Amino acid sequence: MMRTGVHIVRSLCRAPQAISNNITPFSSTGMVQLAAQRTSFIRCRSMAVLPWPFSSQPRDFSLPNSSWGSEMRQQYEHYNSQCEEMTEEGEKKRGPWRRLPSYNRSLKFATGGVYLSKIIQSKARLFTRNIREQGAAFEYVMFVNKEEQKCVCVFQAGHLLEGPPGHVHGGAIATMIDTVIGTHSTYLSGPVMTANLNINYRSPIPLGSTVLLHCSLDKKEGRKTFVTCQVTSTDGSRLHTEATGLFLSINVGHILGV
């Protein structure tokens, strides 16, 4: 893995005049020194460096797979069809909704010596995307409407999320609410972290069923973003859960260690 990481760094960040002859790149010390020398150069191209530490083409978990039930697919098609619209001239244009891709890691790039080498070797995975078996746990896709400052998540609960017999664990529901509200707040305000989450459970969610998480912005005050969320049946006839959240904008550098 170290060799792979060094290869990525060298291929993307190579500047002939910057490579020192007295560094052995395939040693751990050489990796740290090489990455440290590139810090300012990498910052200028931060979106290009390490687009994915483990694969050049990461899997987008928000796309349909064989585990999705008919209700999940129907809701996906409903919102996905609104991501594009046809003009009177017959041309396609962006619609009011946008599908958000979802990967099994949030961190796509990093800068800085020792921390960079740790990222390359890391086995960390996003909690909601760490189960390989399709359909076993969290199956979901998110769509955002920037103009209306709204977000909807289509969520299918797998058999590994059981709490009460035959129903979804309250902690799994809270996880999805936190994920959806946090992602929506990040889309609106940039990187955020959860400061407060209040949840009221109204009715249980059967395992294997598909529900919708409707999220909307209440207000923004400086670094604070206030959001509400409702978890309902797909036809809107049943309210399963409702929640409010407070998220604080953060400097992503604190997370990346730069």
C-alpha atoms as a PDB file:
ATOM      1  CA  MET A   1       0.000   0.000   0.000  1.00  0.00           C
ATOM      2  CA  MET A   2       2.915   2.357   0.719  1.00  0.00           C
ATOM      3  CA  ARG A   3       4.291   1.842  -2.789  1.00  0.00           C
ATOM      4  CA  THR A   4       0.866   2.508  -4.279  1.00  0.00           C
ATOM      5  CA  GLY A   5       0.501   5.694  -2.260  1.00  0.00           C
ATOM      6  CA  VAL A   6       3.947   6.939  -3.245  1.00  0.00           C
ATOM      7  CA  HIS A   7       3.195   6.201  -6.888  1.00  0.00           C
ATOM      8  CA  ILE A   8      -0.007   8.273  -6.679  1.00  0.00           C
ATOM      9  CA  VAL A   9       1.770  11.188  -5.051  1.00  0.00           C
ATOM     10  CA  ARG A  10       4.677  11.111  -7.495  1.00  0.00           C
ATOM     11  CA  SER A  11       2.534  10.780 -10.618  1.00  0.00           C
ATOM     12  CA  LEU A  12       0.201  13.637  -9.671  1.00  0.00           C
ATOM     13  CA  CYS A  13       2.607  15.983  -7.959  1.00  0.00           C
ATOM     14  CA  ARG A  14       5.871  15.481  -9.816  1.00  0.00           C
ATOM     15  CA  ALA A  15       7.837  18.645 -10.470  1.00  0.00           C
ATOM     16  CA  PRO A  16      11.301  17.683 -11.815  1.00  0.00           C
ATOM     17  CA  GLN A  17      13.081  20.552 -10.105  1.00  0.00           C
ATOM     18  CA  ALA A  18      11.488  19.664  -6.752  1.00  0.00           C
ATOM     19  CA  ILE A  19      12.621  16.014  -6.524  1.00  0.00           C
ATOM     20  CA  SER A  20      15.618  15.778  -4.271  1.00  0.00           C
ATOM     21  CA  ASN A  21      18.323  13.231  -5.129  1.00  0.00           C
ATOM     22  CA  ASN A  22      19.025  12.444  -1.477  1.00  0.00           C
ATOM     23  CA  ILE A  23      15.498  11.116  -0.724  1.00  0.00           C
ATOM     24  CA  THR A  24      14.601   7.442  -1.008  1.00  0.00           C
ATOM     25  CA  PRO A  25      10.888   7.649  -1.911  1.00  0.00           C
ATOM     26  CA  PHE A  26      10.010   4.081  -1.014  1.00  0.00           C
ATOM     27  CA  SER A  27      11.176   4.408   2.586  1.00  0.00           C
ATOM     28  CA  SER A  28       8.810   5.718   5.263  1.00  0.00           C
ATOM     29  CA  THR A  29      11.175   8.609   5.979  1.00  0.00           C
ATOM     30  CA  GLY A  30      11.433   9.410   2.296  1.00  0.00           C
ATOM     31  CA  MET A  31       7.657   9.406   1.987  1.00  0.00           C
ATOM     32  CA  VAL A  32       7.322  11.917   4.832  1.00  0.00           C
ATOM     33  CA  GLN A  33      10.064  14.181   3.453  1.00  0.00           C
ATOM     34  CA  LEU A  34       8.746  13.965  -0.099  1.00  0.00           C
ATOM     35  CA  ALA A  35       5.184  14.776   0.971  1.00  0.00           C
ATOM     36  CA  ALA A  36       6.371  17.626   3.168  1.00  0.00           C
ATOM     37  CA  GLN A  37       8.270  19.190   0.269  1.00  0.00           C
ATOM     38  CA  ARG A  38       5.133  18.999  -1.865  1.00  0.00           C
ATOM     39  CA  THR A  39       2.759  20.560   0.697  1.00  0.00           C
ATOM     40  CA  SER A  40       2.426  23.969  -0.940  1.00  0.00           C
ATOM     41  CA  PHE A  41       2.303  22.414  -4.417  1.00  0.00           C
ATOM     42  CA  ILE A  42      -0.374  19.923  -3.389  1.00  0.00           C
ATOM     43  CA  ARG A  43      -2.516  22.634  -1.791  1.00  0.00           C
ATOM     44  CA  CYS A  44      -2.751  24.359  -5.178  1.00  0.00           C
ATOM     45  CA  ARG A  45      -4.092  21.152  -6.701  1.00  0.00           C
ATOM     46  CA  SER A  46      -5.915  19.784  -3.650  1.00  0.00           C
ATOM     47  CA  MET A  47      -8.938  18.608  -5.610  1.00  0.00           C
ATOM     48  CA  ALA A  48      -6.697  16.591  -7.944  1.00  0.00           C
ATOM     49  CA  VAL A  49      -4.466  14.927  -5.345  1.00  0.00           C
ATOM     50  CA  LEU A  50      -5.581  11.517  -4.138  1.00  0.00           C
ATOM     51  CA  PRO A  51      -9.071  11.564  -5.673  1.00  0.00           C
ATOM     52  CA  TRP A  52      -9.481   8.164  -4.029  1.00  0.00           C
ATOM     53  CA  PRO A  53      -6.807   6.435  -1.927  1.00  0.00           C
ATOM     54  CA  PHE A  54      -7.877   2.909  -2.868  1.00  0.00           C
ATOM     55  CA  SER A  55      -9.298   3.090  -6.380  1.00  0.00           C
ATOM     56  CA  SER A  56      -9.096   5.426  -9.359  1.00  0.00           C
ATOM     57  CA  GLN A  57     -12.805   4.822 -10.008  1.00  0.00           C
ATOM     58  CA  PRO A  58     -14.670   4.683  -6.688  1.00  0.00           C
ATOM     59  CA  ARG A  59     -18.053   3.000  -6.528  1.00  0.00           C
ATOM     60  CA  ASP A  60     -21.008   5.357  -6.245  1.00  0.00           C
ATOM     61  CA  PHE A  61     -23.255   3.685  -3.663  1.00  0.00           C
ATOM     62  CA  SER A  62     -26.217   5.937  -4.492  1.00  0.00           C
ATOM     63  CA  LEU A  63     -26.846   4.203  -7.820  1.00  0.00           C
ATOM     64  CA  PRO A  64     -29.425   1.382  -8.095  1.00  0.00           C
ATOM     65  CA  ASN A  65     -28.300  -2.164  -7.395  1.00  0.00           C
ATOM     66  CA  SER A  66     -29.974  -5.578  -7.380  1.00  0.00           C
ATOM     67  CA  SER A  67     -31.029  -5.293  -3.719  1.00  0.00           C
ATOM     68  CA  TRP A  68     -33.294  -2.294  -4.317  1.00  0.00           C
ATOM     69  CA  GLY A  69     -36.971  -3.114  -4.065  1.00  0.00           C
ATOM     70  CA  SER A  70     -39.621  -1.803  -6.449  1.00  0.00           C
ATOM     71  CA  GLU A  71     -40.597   1.014  -4.071  1.00  0.00           C
ATOM     72  CA  MET A  72     -36.979   2.138  -3.715  1.00  0.00           C
ATOM     73  CA  ARG A  73     -36.522   2.165  -7.491  1.00  0.00           C
ATOM     74  CA  GLN A  74     -39.802   3.963  -8.069  1.00  0.00           C
ATOM     75  CA  GLN A  75     -38.848   6.784  -5.695  1.00  0.00           C
ATOM     76  CA  TYR A  76     -35.371   6.957  -7.210  1.00  0.00           C
ATOM     77  CA  GLU A  77     -36.806   7.332 -10.709  1.00  0.00           C
ATOM     78  CA  HIS A  78     -39.304   9.946  -9.510  1.00  0.00           C
ATOM     79  CA  TYR A  79     -36.631  12.302  -8.167  1.00  0.00           C
ATOM     80  CA  ASN A  80     -33.942  11.400 -10.688  1.00  0.00           C
ATOM     81  CA  SER A  81     -36.298  12.351 -13.522  1.00  0.00           C
ATOM     82  CA  GLN A  82     -36.435  15.844 -12.058  1.00  0.00           C
ATOM     83  CA  CYS A  83     -32.678  16.303 -12.309  1.00  0.00           C
ATOM     84  CA  GLU A  84     -33.097  17.210 -15.985  1.00  0.00           C
ATOM     85  CA  GLU A  85     -35.803  19.116 -17.839  1.00  0.00           C
ATOM     86  CA  MET A  86     -36.619  19.679 -21.490  1.00  0.00           C
ATOM     87  CA  THR A  87     -36.855  23.210 -22.828  1.00  0.00           C
ATOM     88  CA  GLU A  88     -39.448  24.298 -25.390  1.00  0.00           C
ATOM     89  CA  GLU A  89     -36.697  23.971 -27.993  1.00  0.00           C
ATOM     90  CA  GLY A  90     -36.258  20.303 -27.072  1.00  0.00           C
ATOM     91  CA  GLU A  91     -32.918  20.777 -25.304  1.00  0.00           C
ATOM     92  CA  LYS A  92     -32.017  19.332 -21.934  1.00  0.00           C
ATOM     93  CA  LYS A  93     -31.251  21.583 -18.978  1.00  0.00           C
ATOM     94  CA  ARG A  94     -30.605  21.023 -15.287  1.00  0.00           C
ATOM     95  CA  GLY A  95     -33.792  20.466 -13.294  1.00  0.00           C
ATOM     96  CA  PRO A  96     -34.627  21.598  -9.763  1.00  0.00           C
ATOM     97  CA  TRP A  97     -33.190  18.470  -8.127  1.00  0.00           C
ATOM     98  CA  ARG A  98     -29.673  17.092  -8.113  1.00  0.00           C
ATOM     99  CA  ARG A  99     -28.592  13.585  -7.106  1.00  0.00           C
ATOM    100  CA  LEU A 100     -25.648  13.482  -4.721  1.00  0.00           C
ATOM    101  CA  PRO A 101     -23.084  10.701  -5.276  1.00  0.00           C
ATOM    102  CA  SER A 102     -22.160   8.668  -2.202  1.00  0.00           C
ATOM    103  CA  TYR A 103     -18.869   6.875  -1.552  1.00  0.00           C
ATOM    104  CA  ASN A 104     -17.528   4.745   1.266  1.00  0.00           C
ATOM    105  CA  ARG A 105     -15.084   7.427   2.391  1.00  0.00           C
ATOM    106  CA  SER A 106     -15.692  11.133   2.926  1.00  0.00           C
ATOM    107  CA  LEU A 107     -12.024  12.097   2.734  1.00  0.00           C
ATOM    108  CA  LYS A 108     -10.886  12.477  -0.883  1.00  0.00           C
ATOM    109  CA  PHE A 109      -7.641  14.372  -0.454  1.00  0.00           C
ATOM    110  CA  ALA A 110      -5.185  15.501   2.172  1.00  0.00           C
ATOM    111  CA  THR A 111      -1.889  17.347   2.439  1.00  0.00           C
ATOM    112  CA  GLY A 112       1.070  17.131   4.727  1.00  0.00           C
ATOM    113  CA  GLY A 113       3.837  14.627   5.539  1.00  0.00           C
ATOM    114  CA  VAL A 114       3.032  12.005   8.158  1.00  0.00           C
ATOM    115  CA  TYR A 115      -0.710  12.568   7.930  1.00  0.00           C
ATOM    116  CA  LEU A 116      -0.667  11.900   4.190  1.00  0.00           C
ATOM    117  CA  SER A 117       1.013   8.526   4.678  1.00  0.00           C
ATOM    118  CA  LYS A 118      -1.614   7.614   7.296  1.00  0.00           C
ATOM    119  CA  ILE A 119      -4.426   8.448   4.893  1.00  0.00           C
ATOM    120  CA  ILE A 120      -2.937   6.195   2.210  1.00  0.00           C
ATOM    121  CA  GLN A 121      -2.767   3.261   4.622  1.00  0.00           C
ATOM    122  CA  SER A 122      -6.088   3.947   6.333  1.00  0.00           C
ATOM    123  CA  LYS A 123      -8.805   1.291   6.464  1.00  0.00           C
ATOM    124  CA  ALA A 124     -11.463   3.742   7.639  1.00  0.00           C
ATOM    125  CA  ARG A 125     -14.891   3.545   6.011  1.00  0.00           C
ATOM    126  CA  LEU A 126     -18.000   5.681   6.234  1.00  0.00           C
ATOM    127  CA  PHE A 127     -20.287   4.073   8.832  1.00  0.00           C
ATOM    128  CA  THR A 128     -23.309   3.901   6.523  1.00  0.00           C
ATOM    129  CA  ARG A 129     -21.249   2.429   3.663  1.00  0.00           C
ATOM    130  CA  ASN A 130     -19.074  -0.154   5.420  1.00  0.00           C
ATOM    131  CA  ILE A 131     -21.106  -3.331   4.699  1.00  0.00           C
ATOM    132  CA  ARG A 132     -20.225  -5.141   1.503  1.00  0.00           C
ATOM    133  CA  GLU A 133     -23.441  -7.126   1.195  1.00  0.00           C
ATOM    134  CA  GLN A 134     -25.844  -5.113  -0.919  1.00  0.00           C
ATOM    135  CA  GLY A 135     -29.158  -4.432   0.768  1.00  0.00           C
ATOM    136  CA  ALA A 136     -28.044  -5.734   4.167  1.00  0.00           C
ATOM    137  CA  ALA A 137     -27.955  -2.394   5.947  1.00  0.00           C
ATOM    138  CA  PHE A 138     -28.155   1.198   4.707  1.00  0.00           C
ATOM    139  CA  GLU A 139     -29.369   1.558   1.129  1.00  0.00           C
ATOM    140  CA  TYR A 140     -30.050   5.185   0.330  1.00  0.00           C
ATOM    141  CA  VAL A 141     -29.789   7.951  -2.243  1.00  0.00           C
ATOM    142  CA  MET A 142     -30.042  11.698  -1.643  1.00  0.00           C
ATOM    143  CA  PHE A 143     -31.416  14.467  -3.851  1.00  0.00           C
ATOM    144  CA  VAL A 144     -31.055  18.182  -3.108  1.00  0.00           C
ATOM    145  CA  ASN A 145     -33.030  21.182  -4.299  1.00  0.00           C
ATOM    146  CA  LYS A 146     -30.775  24.206  -3.853  1.00  0.00           C
ATOM    147  CA  GLU A 147     -33.365  26.783  -4.831  1.00  0.00           C
ATOM    148  CA  GLU A 148     -35.876  25.549  -2.251  1.00  0.00           C
ATOM    149  CA  GLN A 149     -33.059  24.619   0.186  1.00  0.00           C
ATOM    150  CA  LYS A 150     -34.552  21.168   0.602  1.00  0.00           C
ATOM    151  CA  CYS A 151     -33.245  17.633   0.529  1.00  0.00           C
ATOM    152  CA  VAL A 152     -34.911  14.234   0.259  1.00  0.00           C
ATOM    153  CA  CYS A 153     -33.351  10.856   0.961  1.00  0.00           C
ATOM    154  CA  VAL A 154     -34.827   7.578  -0.248  1.00  0.00           C
ATOM    155  CA  PHE A 155     -33.853   4.983   2.374  1.00  0.00           C
ATOM    156  CA  GLN A 156     -34.308   1.214   2.334  1.00  0.00           C
ATOM    157  CA  ALA A 157     -33.553  -0.496   5.667  1.00  0.00           C
ATOM    158  CA  GLY A 158     -31.743  -3.841   5.498  1.00  0.00           C
ATOM    159  CA  HIS A 159     -32.016  -6.867   7.782  1.00  0.00           C
ATOM    160  CA  LEU A 160     -28.854  -6.000   9.748  1.00  0.00           C
ATOM    161  CA  LEU A 161     -30.505  -2.868  11.164  1.00  0.00           C
ATOM    162  CA  GLU A 162     -32.992  -4.671  13.396  1.00  0.00           C
ATOM    163  CA  GLY A 163     -33.939  -3.265  16.792  1.00  0.00           C
ATOM    164  CA  PRO A 164     -37.427  -4.301  17.912  1.00  0.00           C
ATOM    165  CA  PRO A 165     -38.271  -7.615  16.211  1.00  0.00           C
ATOM    166  CA  GLY A 166     -38.964  -6.962  12.548  1.00  0.00           C
ATOM    167  CA  HIS A 167     -38.333  -3.223  12.802  1.00  0.00           C
ATOM    168  CA  VAL A 168     -35.456  -0.788  12.368  1.00  0.00           C
ATOM    169  CA  HIS A 169     -33.248   0.069  15.356  1.00  0.00           C
ATOM    170  CA  GLY A 170     -33.726   3.609  16.650  1.00  0.00           C
ATOM    171  CA  GLY A 171     -29.978   4.192  16.458  1.00  0.00           C
ATOM    172  CA  ALA A 172     -29.978   3.300  12.758  1.00  0.00           C
ATOM    173  CA  ILE A 173     -32.774   5.811  12.156  1.00  0.00           C
ATOM    174  CA  ALA A 174     -30.799   8.446  14.070  1.00  0.00           C
ATOM    175  CA  THR A 175     -27.747   7.632  11.965  1.00  0.00           C
ATOM    176  CA  MET A 176     -29.663   8.240   8.762  1.00  0.00           C
ATOM    177  CA  ILE A 177     -31.157  11.483  10.066  1.00  0.00           C
ATOM    178  CA  ASP A 178     -27.724  12.743  11.112  1.00  0.00           C
ATOM    179  CA  THR A 179     -26.263  11.702   7.746  1.00  0.00           C
ATOM    180  CA  VAL A 180     -28.979  13.386   5.708  1.00  0.00           C
ATOM    181  CA  ILE A 181     -29.175  16.604   7.737  1.00  0.00           C
ATOM    182  CA  GLY A 182     -25.382  16.843   7.910  1.00  0.00           C
ATOM    183  CA  THR A 183     -24.965  16.294   4.179  1.00  0.00           C
ATOM    184  CA  HIS A 184     -27.669  18.840   3.417  1.00  0.00           C
ATOM    185  CA  SER A 185     -26.066  21.392   5.751  1.00  0.00           C
ATOM    186  CA  THR A 186     -22.676  20.791   4.146  1.00  0.00           C
ATOM    187  CA  TYR A 187     -24.213  21.340   0.712  1.00  0.00           C
ATOM    188  CA  LEU A 188     -25.658  24.662   1.887  1.00  0.00           C
ATOM    189  CA  SER A 189     -22.920  25.930   4.209  1.00  0.00           C
ATOM    190  CA  GLY A 190     -19.729  24.020   3.479  1.00  0.00           C
ATOM    191  CA  PRO A 191     -18.119  21.537   5.925  1.00  0.00           C
ATOM    192  CA  VAL A 192     -20.106  21.195   9.178  1.00  0.00           C
ATOM    193  CA  MET A 193     -20.224  19.056  12.307  1.00  0.00           C
ATOM    194  CA  THR A 194     -23.231  18.078  14.400  1.00  0.00           C
ATOM    195  CA  ALA A 195     -23.732  20.261  17.477  1.00  0.00           C
ATOM    196  CA  ASN A 196     -27.211  19.120  18.508  1.00  0.00           C
ATOM    197  CA  LEU A 197     -29.741  16.564  17.287  1.00  0.00           C
ATOM    198  CA  ASN A 198     -33.239  16.175  18.776  1.00  0.00           C
ATOM    199  CA  ILE A 199     -35.309  13.186  17.643  1.00  0.00           C
ATOM    200  CA  ASN A 200     -38.908  12.171  18.299  1.00  0.00           C
ATOM    201  CA  TYR A 201     -39.898   8.642  17.271  1.00  0.00           C
ATOM    202  CA  ARG A 202     -43.552   8.440  16.221  1.00  0.00           C
ATOM    203  CA  SER A 203     -44.046   4.990  14.681  1.00  0.00           C
ATOM    204  CA  PRO A 204     -41.679   2.054  13.967  1.00  0.00           C
ATOM    205  CA  ILE A 205     -40.208   1.387  10.529  1.00  0.00           C
ATOM    206  CA  PRO A 206     -40.531  -2.222   9.283  1.00  0.00           C
ATOM    207  CA  LEU A 207     -37.302  -3.881   8.160  1.00  0.00           C
ATOM    208  CA  GLY A 208     -36.966  -4.000   4.386  1.00  0.00           C
ATOM    209  CA  SER A 209     -39.334  -1.103   3.856  1.00  0.00           C
ATOM    210  CA  THR A 210     -38.545   2.128   2.012  1.00  0.00           C
ATOM    211  CA  VAL A 211     -39.076   5.517   3.640  1.00  0.00           C
ATOM    212  CA  LEU A 212     -38.372   9.137   2.736  1.00  0.00           C
ATOM    213  CA  LEU A 213     -36.346  11.577   4.815  1.00  0.00           C
ATOM    214  CA  HIS A 214     -37.455  15.127   4.047  1.00  0.00           C
ATOM    215  CA  CYS A 215     -34.973  17.751   5.181  1.00  0.00           C
ATOM    216  CA  SER A 216     -35.320  21.544   4.986  1.00  0.00           C
ATOM    217  CA  LEU A 217     -33.358  24.575   6.125  1.00  0.00           C
ATOM    218  CA  ASP A 218     -34.890  26.583   8.966  1.00  0.00           C
ATOM    219  CA  LYS A 219     -32.335  29.369   9.272  1.00  0.00           C
ATOM    220  CA  LYS A 220     -28.641  30.245   9.286  1.00  0.00           C
ATOM    221  CA  GLU A 221     -26.957  32.375  11.927  1.00  0.00           C
ATOM    222  CA  GLY A 222     -23.244  32.901  11.366  1.00  0.00           C
ATOM    223  CA  ARG A 223     -21.605  29.483  11.722  1.00  0.00           C
ATOM    224  CA  LYS A 224     -24.894  27.880  12.799  1.00  0.00           C
ATOM    225  CA  THR A 225     -27.236  26.017  10.446  1.00  0.00           C
ATOM    226  CA  PHE A 226     -30.651  24.957  11.780  1.00  0.00           C
ATOM    227  CA  VAL A 227     -32.414  22.148   9.925  1.00  0.00           C
ATOM    228  CA  THR A 228     -35.556  20.025  10.363  1.00  0.00           C
ATOM    229  CA  CYS A 229     -36.198  16.484   9.138  1.00  0.00           C
ATOM    230  CA  GLN A 230     -39.215  14.213   8.850  1.00  0.00           C
ATOM    231  CA  VAL A 231     -39.136  10.489   8.114  1.00  0.00           C
ATOM    232  CA  THR A 232     -42.323   9.367   6.383  1.00  0.00           C
ATOM    233  CA  SER A 233     -43.739   6.513   4.361  1.00  0.00           C
ATOM    234  CA  THR A 234     -43.242   6.979   0.628  1.00  0.00           C
ATOM    235  CA  ASP A 235     -46.875   8.012   0.139  1.00  0.00           C
ATOM    236  CA  GLY A 236     -46.655  10.486   3.031  1.00  0.00           C
ATOM    237  CA  SER A 237     -49.496   8.869   4.970  1.00  0.00           C
ATOM    238  CA  ARG A 238     -47.407   7.902   8.010  1.00  0.00           C
ATOM    239  CA  LEU A 239     -44.940   9.949  10.039  1.00  0.00           C
ATOM    240  CA  HIS A 240     -42.260   7.662  11.462  1.00  0.00           C
ATOM    241  CA  THR A 241     -39.805  10.133  12.974  1.00  0.00           C
ATOM    242  CA  GLU A 242     -39.176  13.853  13.167  1.00  0.00           C
ATOM    243  CA  ALA A 243     -36.046  15.706  14.192  1.00  0.00           C
ATOM    244  CA  THR A 244     -34.301  19.056  14.426  1.00  0.00           C
ATOM    245  CA  GLY A 245     -30.578  19.597  14.116  1.00  0.00           C
ATOM    246  CA  LEU A 246     -27.990  22.280  14.730  1.00  0.00           C
ATOM    247  CA  PHE A 247     -24.766  22.114  12.723  1.00  0.00           C
ATOM    248  CA  LEU A 248     -21.679  24.295  13.009  1.00  0.00           C
ATOM    249  CA  SER A 249     -19.498  25.310  10.074  1.00  0.00           C
ATOM    250  CA  ILE A 250     -15.895  24.195  10.535  1.00  0.00           C
ATOM    251  CA  ASN A 251     -12.485  24.673   8.961  1.00  0.00           C
ATOM    252  CA  VAL A 252     -11.836  21.411   7.155  1.00  0.00           C
ATOM    253  CA  GLY A 253      -8.107  21.884   7.809  1.00  0.00           C
ATOM    254  CA  HIS A 254      -8.642  20.853  11.419  1.00  0.00           C
ATOM    255  CA  ILE A 255      -9.917  17.464  10.248  1.00  0.00           C
ATOM    256  CA  LEU A 256      -7.170  16.976   7.667  1.00  0.00           C
ATOM    257  CA  GLY A 257      -4.446  17.961  10.134  1.00  0.00           C
ATOM    258  CA  VAL A 258      -3.072  20.843   8.049  1.00  0.00           C
END
